[in-house]
C-alpha cells in the first residue's frame, strides 16, 4: 500500500465491503461524513487502487454449481513460459474461481465451482488435464464453507 489509510477510510471500506451498492449519501451517513468529502475519499481510494472495483457476489448453489473443489497442481517445468501458459489457461476457464501461484509442495492452488461430482470429473477431464505441462493434481471437495470473506479491511498498523 502506498500510503496509510485513516479510520475514516477504514469505515468507508468496511461499509462498502458490507454493501457495495450504498449510494454516496447512504455511505456518508453511515461513516459520519457529509456527502462531498465522502465522495472525494471514495474517489481517491478508487484512483489509488485501494478500491479495485465493484462486483456482485453470486450464490453458486442457487445457480446449480454448488460443489467447490480445491485442486493442488504441480507442473512439469517451472520456467516463465510454463507458468505464464498455465495462468493464461486458468484465466480462460469459467469454472475457475481463484488461482494462486504457491511456494511449497505444489505449484498452484486452484479453486473451482462445479455441478456435482460429474461436473468435477468433466472439469478435470475436459479442462484441467488438457492444459500442457500439468504433471500432477490433487483434488479436495469442500463440504461446507464456514467463513467467506470477499475482502478485508486492514487493522491499524
C-alpha atoms as a PDB file:
ATOM      1  CA  UNK A   1       0.000   0.000   0.000  1.00  0.00           C
ATOM      2  CA  UNK A   2       1.468   3.363  -0.981  1.00  0.00           C
ATOM      3  CA  UNK A   3       0.046   5.316   1.961  1.00  0.00           C
ATOM      4  CA  UNK A   4      -1.567   4.816   5.329  1.00  0.00           C
ATOM      5  CA  UNK A   5      -5.335   4.864   5.436  1.00  0.00           C
ATOM      6  CA  UNK A   6      -7.035   6.538   8.385  1.00  0.00           C
ATOM      7  CA  UNK A   7     -10.006   5.468  10.499  1.00  0.00           C
ATOM      8  CA  UNK A   8     -12.482   7.251   8.223  1.00  0.00           C
ATOM      9  CA  UNK A   9     -11.095   5.421   5.170  1.00  0.00           C
ATOM     10  CA  UNK A  10     -11.419   2.149   7.091  1.00  0.00           C
ATOM     11  CA  UNK A  11     -15.057   2.910   7.934  1.00  0.00           C
ATOM     12  CA  UNK A  12     -15.738   3.671   4.266  1.00  0.00           C
ATOM     13  CA  UNK A  13     -14.046   0.463   3.136  1.00  0.00           C
ATOM     14  CA  UNK A  14     -15.873  -1.674   5.722  1.00  0.00           C
ATOM     15  CA  UNK A  15     -19.221  -0.179   4.728  1.00  0.00           C
ATOM     16  CA  UNK A  16     -18.562  -0.769   1.014  1.00  0.00           C
ATOM     17  CA  UNK A  17     -17.369  -4.341   1.624  1.00  0.00           C
ATOM     18  CA  UNK A  18     -20.600  -4.995   3.536  1.00  0.00           C
ATOM     19  CA  UNK A  19     -22.739  -3.329   0.845  1.00  0.00           C
ATOM     20  CA  UNK A  20     -21.103  -2.125  -2.359  1.00  0.00           C
ATOM     21  CA  UNK A  21     -24.445  -0.740  -3.578  1.00  0.00           C
ATOM     22  CA  UNK A  22     -24.666   2.040  -0.989  1.00  0.00           C
ATOM     23  CA  UNK A  23     -25.344   5.414  -2.523  1.00  0.00           C
ATOM     24  CA  UNK A  24     -22.857   8.140  -1.631  1.00  0.00           C
ATOM     25  CA  UNK A  25     -25.485   9.751   0.613  1.00  0.00           C
ATOM     26  CA  UNK A  26     -26.106   6.476   2.480  1.00  0.00           C
ATOM     27  CA  UNK A  27     -22.378   5.808   2.758  1.00  0.00           C
ATOM     28  CA  UNK A  28     -21.696   9.329   4.055  1.00  0.00           C
ATOM     29  CA  UNK A  29     -24.427   8.943   6.682  1.00  0.00           C
ATOM     30  CA  UNK A  30     -23.071   5.546   7.755  1.00  0.00           C
ATOM     31  CA  UNK A  31     -19.487   6.742   8.203  1.00  0.00           C
ATOM     32  CA  UNK A  32     -20.329  10.147   9.693  1.00  0.00           C
ATOM     33  CA  UNK A  33     -19.312  12.446   6.845  1.00  0.00           C
ATOM     34  CA  UNK A  34     -21.146  14.882   4.639  1.00  0.00           C
ATOM     35  CA  UNK A  35     -21.623  13.634   1.041  1.00  0.00           C
ATOM     36  CA  UNK A  36     -18.951  15.772  -0.657  1.00  0.00           C
ATOM     37  CA  UNK A  37     -15.947  14.722   1.474  1.00  0.00           C
ATOM     38  CA  UNK A  38     -17.203  11.133   1.441  1.00  0.00           C
ATOM     39  CA  UNK A  39     -17.338  11.139  -2.370  1.00  0.00           C
ATOM     40  CA  UNK A  40     -13.840  12.677  -2.523  1.00  0.00           C
ATOM     41  CA  UNK A  41     -12.442   9.973  -0.243  1.00  0.00           C
ATOM     42  CA  UNK A  42     -14.091   7.153  -2.211  1.00  0.00           C
ATOM     43  CA  UNK A  43     -12.808   8.618  -5.467  1.00  0.00           C
ATOM     44  CA  UNK A  44      -9.281   8.885  -4.020  1.00  0.00           C
ATOM     45  CA  UNK A  45      -9.441   5.280  -2.754  1.00  0.00           C
ATOM     46  CA  UNK A  46     -10.507   4.193  -6.269  1.00  0.00           C
ATOM     47  CA  UNK A  47      -7.798   6.260  -8.007  1.00  0.00           C
ATOM     48  CA  UNK A  48      -5.119   4.871  -5.703  1.00  0.00           C
ATOM     49  CA  UNK A  49      -6.277   1.337  -6.477  1.00  0.00           C
ATOM     50  CA  UNK A  50      -7.261   0.558  -2.884  1.00  0.00           C
ATOM     51  CA  UNK A  51     -10.805   0.053  -4.177  1.00  0.00           C
ATOM     52  CA  UNK A  52     -10.070  -2.108  -7.200  1.00  0.00           C
ATOM     53  CA  UNK A  53     -13.658  -2.441  -8.397  1.00  0.00           C
ATOM     54  CA  UNK A  54     -17.210  -3.387  -7.538  1.00  0.00           C
ATOM     55  CA  UNK A  55     -18.892  -6.707  -8.198  1.00  0.00           C
ATOM     56  CA  UNK A  56     -21.889  -8.910  -7.460  1.00  0.00           C
ATOM     57  CA  UNK A  57     -21.428 -11.964  -5.226  1.00  0.00           C
ATOM     58  CA  UNK A  58     -23.291 -14.900  -6.746  1.00  0.00           C
ATOM     59  CA  UNK A  59     -24.792 -17.842  -4.880  1.00  0.00           C
ATOM     60  CA  UNK A  60     -23.302 -20.790  -6.756  1.00  0.00           C
ATOM     61  CA  UNK A  61     -25.680 -23.260  -5.154  1.00  0.00           C
ATOM     62  CA  UNK A  62     -28.673 -21.304  -6.487  1.00  0.00           C
ATOM     63  CA  UNK A  63     -27.027 -21.414  -9.920  1.00  0.00           C
ATOM     64  CA  UNK A  64     -26.644 -25.197  -9.761  1.00  0.00           C
ATOM     65  CA  UNK A  65     -22.874 -25.202  -9.311  1.00  0.00           C
ATOM     66  CA  UNK A  66     -22.745 -25.825  -5.581  1.00  0.00           C
ATOM     67  CA  UNK A  67     -19.634 -28.002  -5.401  1.00  0.00           C
ATOM     68  CA  UNK A  68     -16.399 -26.246  -4.515  1.00  0.00           C
ATOM     69  CA  UNK A  69     -13.221 -28.140  -5.306  1.00  0.00           C
ATOM     70  CA  UNK A  70      -9.735 -27.164  -4.195  1.00  0.00           C
ATOM     71  CA  UNK A  71      -7.053 -28.516  -6.512  1.00  0.00           C
ATOM     72  CA  UNK A  72      -3.338 -28.604  -5.860  1.00  0.00           C
ATOM     73  CA  UNK A  73      -1.439 -28.585  -9.155  1.00  0.00           C
ATOM     74  CA  UNK A  74       2.186 -29.367  -9.981  1.00  0.00           C
ATOM     75  CA  UNK A  75       3.729 -28.581 -13.358  1.00  0.00           C
ATOM     76  CA  UNK A  76       6.427 -30.414 -15.306  1.00  0.00           C
ATOM     77  CA  UNK A  77       8.511 -27.255 -15.703  1.00  0.00           C
ATOM     78  CA  UNK A  78       8.853 -24.020 -13.788  1.00  0.00           C
ATOM     79  CA  UNK A  79      10.162 -21.619 -16.393  1.00  0.00           C
ATOM     80  CA  UNK A  80       8.377 -18.358 -17.228  1.00  0.00           C
ATOM     81  CA  UNK A  81       6.704 -19.835 -20.317  1.00  0.00           C
ATOM     82  CA  UNK A  82       5.192 -22.778 -18.404  1.00  0.00           C
ATOM     83  CA  UNK A  83       3.972 -20.589 -15.541  1.00  0.00           C
ATOM     84  CA  UNK A  84       2.503 -17.991 -17.888  1.00  0.00           C
ATOM     85  CA  UNK A  85       0.842 -20.665 -20.021  1.00  0.00           C
ATOM     86  CA  UNK A  86      -0.829 -22.318 -17.045  1.00  0.00           C
ATOM     87  CA  UNK A  87      -2.008 -18.975 -15.664  1.00  0.00           C
ATOM     88  CA  UNK A  88      -3.455 -17.959 -19.017  1.00  0.00           C
ATOM     89  CA  UNK A  89      -5.233 -21.308 -19.413  1.00  0.00           C
ATOM     90  CA  UNK A  90      -6.797 -20.994 -15.948  1.00  0.00           C
ATOM     91  CA  UNK A  91      -7.941 -17.414 -16.590  1.00  0.00           C
ATOM     92  CA  UNK A  92      -9.914 -18.593 -19.628  1.00  0.00           C
ATOM     93  CA  UNK A  93     -11.877 -21.337 -17.818  1.00  0.00           C
ATOM     94  CA  UNK A  94     -15.148 -20.012 -16.360  1.00  0.00           C
ATOM     95  CA  UNK A  95     -15.402 -22.664 -13.607  1.00  0.00           C
ATOM     96  CA  UNK A  96     -12.099 -21.498 -12.118  1.00  0.00           C
ATOM     97  CA  UNK A  97     -12.860 -19.051  -9.323  1.00  0.00           C
ATOM     98  CA  UNK A  98      -9.366 -18.401  -7.989  1.00  0.00           C
ATOM     99  CA  UNK A  99      -5.798 -19.410  -8.846  1.00  0.00           C
ATOM    100  CA  UNK A 100      -2.765 -18.925  -6.619  1.00  0.00           C
ATOM    101  CA  UNK A 101       0.898 -19.442  -7.521  1.00  0.00           C
ATOM    102  CA  UNK A 102       2.288 -21.200  -4.456  1.00  0.00           C
ATOM    103  CA  UNK A 103       5.540 -21.788  -2.648  1.00  0.00           C
ATOM    104  CA  UNK A 104       5.817 -25.226  -1.105  1.00  0.00           C
ATOM    105  CA  UNK A 105       4.801 -28.743  -2.121  1.00  0.00           C
ATOM    106  CA  UNK A 106       2.780 -27.780  -5.200  1.00  0.00           C
ATOM    107  CA  UNK A 107       2.880 -25.004  -7.789  1.00  0.00           C
ATOM    108  CA  UNK A 108      -0.708 -23.772  -7.933  1.00  0.00           C
ATOM    109  CA  UNK A 109      -3.819 -23.828  -5.803  1.00  0.00           C
ATOM    110  CA  UNK A 110      -6.968 -23.695  -7.928  1.00  0.00           C
ATOM    111  CA  UNK A 111     -10.494 -23.131  -6.578  1.00  0.00           C
ATOM    112  CA  UNK A 112     -13.210 -24.456  -8.882  1.00  0.00           C
ATOM    113  CA  UNK A 113     -17.024 -24.336  -8.861  1.00  0.00           C
ATOM    114  CA  UNK A 114     -18.733 -27.373 -10.391  1.00  0.00           C
ATOM    115  CA  UNK A 115     -22.129 -29.030 -10.583  1.00  0.00           C
ATOM    116  CA  UNK A 116     -21.721 -32.231  -8.574  1.00  0.00           C
ATOM    117  CA  UNK A 117     -19.194 -34.995  -8.987  1.00  0.00           C
ATOM    118  CA  UNK A 118     -20.000 -35.329 -12.692  1.00  0.00           C
ATOM    119  CA  UNK A 119     -19.205 -31.649 -13.133  1.00  0.00           C
ATOM    120  CA  UNK A 120     -15.927 -32.080 -11.288  1.00  0.00           C
ATOM    121  CA  UNK A 121     -14.999 -35.092 -13.409  1.00  0.00           C
ATOM    122  CA  UNK A 122     -15.854 -33.171 -16.576  1.00  0.00           C
ATOM    123  CA  UNK A 123     -13.778 -30.192 -15.419  1.00  0.00           C
ATOM    124  CA  UNK A 124     -10.790 -32.406 -14.688  1.00  0.00           C
ATOM    125  CA  UNK A 125     -11.046 -34.480 -17.865  1.00  0.00           C
ATOM    126  CA  UNK A 126     -12.087 -31.788 -20.339  1.00  0.00           C
ATOM    127  CA  UNK A 127     -10.342 -28.725 -18.928  1.00  0.00           C
ATOM    128  CA  UNK A 128      -7.556 -29.206 -16.403  1.00  0.00           C
ATOM    129  CA  UNK A 129      -5.958 -32.398 -17.722  1.00  0.00           C
ATOM    130  CA  UNK A 130      -5.729 -30.856 -21.200  1.00  0.00           C
ATOM    131  CA  UNK A 131      -3.524 -27.989 -20.037  1.00  0.00           C
ATOM    132  CA  UNK A 132       0.012 -28.567 -21.356  1.00  0.00           C
ATOM    133  CA  UNK A 133       2.699 -29.122 -18.749  1.00  0.00           C
ATOM    134  CA  UNK A 134       0.465 -30.489 -15.990  1.00  0.00           C
ATOM    135  CA  UNK A 135       2.389 -33.118 -14.028  1.00  0.00           C
ATOM    136  CA  UNK A 136       0.139 -33.890 -11.067  1.00  0.00           C
ATOM    137  CA  UNK A 137      -3.063 -32.718  -9.410  1.00  0.00           C
ATOM    138  CA  UNK A 138      -4.760 -33.494  -6.122  1.00  0.00           C
ATOM    139  CA  UNK A 139      -8.412 -32.561  -5.582  1.00  0.00           C
ATOM    140  CA  UNK A 140     -10.288 -31.986  -2.332  1.00  0.00           C
ATOM    141  CA  UNK A 141     -14.017 -31.337  -2.044  1.00  0.00           C
ATOM    142  CA  UNK A 142     -15.329 -28.644   0.231  1.00  0.00           C
ATOM    143  CA  UNK A 143     -18.075 -29.989   2.495  1.00  0.00           C
ATOM    144  CA  UNK A 144     -19.222 -26.584   3.732  1.00  0.00           C
ATOM    145  CA  UNK A 145     -17.910 -23.038   3.798  1.00  0.00           C
ATOM    146  CA  UNK A 146     -17.534 -21.816   7.381  1.00  0.00           C
ATOM    147  CA  UNK A 147     -16.216 -18.350   6.574  1.00  0.00           C
ATOM    148  CA  UNK A 148     -16.201 -16.494   3.291  1.00  0.00           C
ATOM    149  CA  UNK A 149     -14.611 -13.097   3.069  1.00  0.00           C
ATOM    150  CA  UNK A 150     -14.819 -11.170  -0.166  1.00  0.00           C
ATOM    151  CA  UNK A 151     -12.339  -8.592   1.053  1.00  0.00           C
ATOM    152  CA  UNK A 152     -10.810  -7.496   4.332  1.00  0.00           C
ATOM    153  CA  UNK A 153     -10.040  -4.067   5.702  1.00  0.00           C
ATOM    154  CA  UNK A 154      -6.665  -3.938   7.447  1.00  0.00           C
ATOM    155  CA  UNK A 155      -6.473  -3.023  11.103  1.00  0.00           C
ATOM    156  CA  UNK A 156      -4.359  -0.082  12.126  1.00  0.00           C
ATOM    157  CA  UNK A 157      -0.670  -0.618  11.529  1.00  0.00           C
END
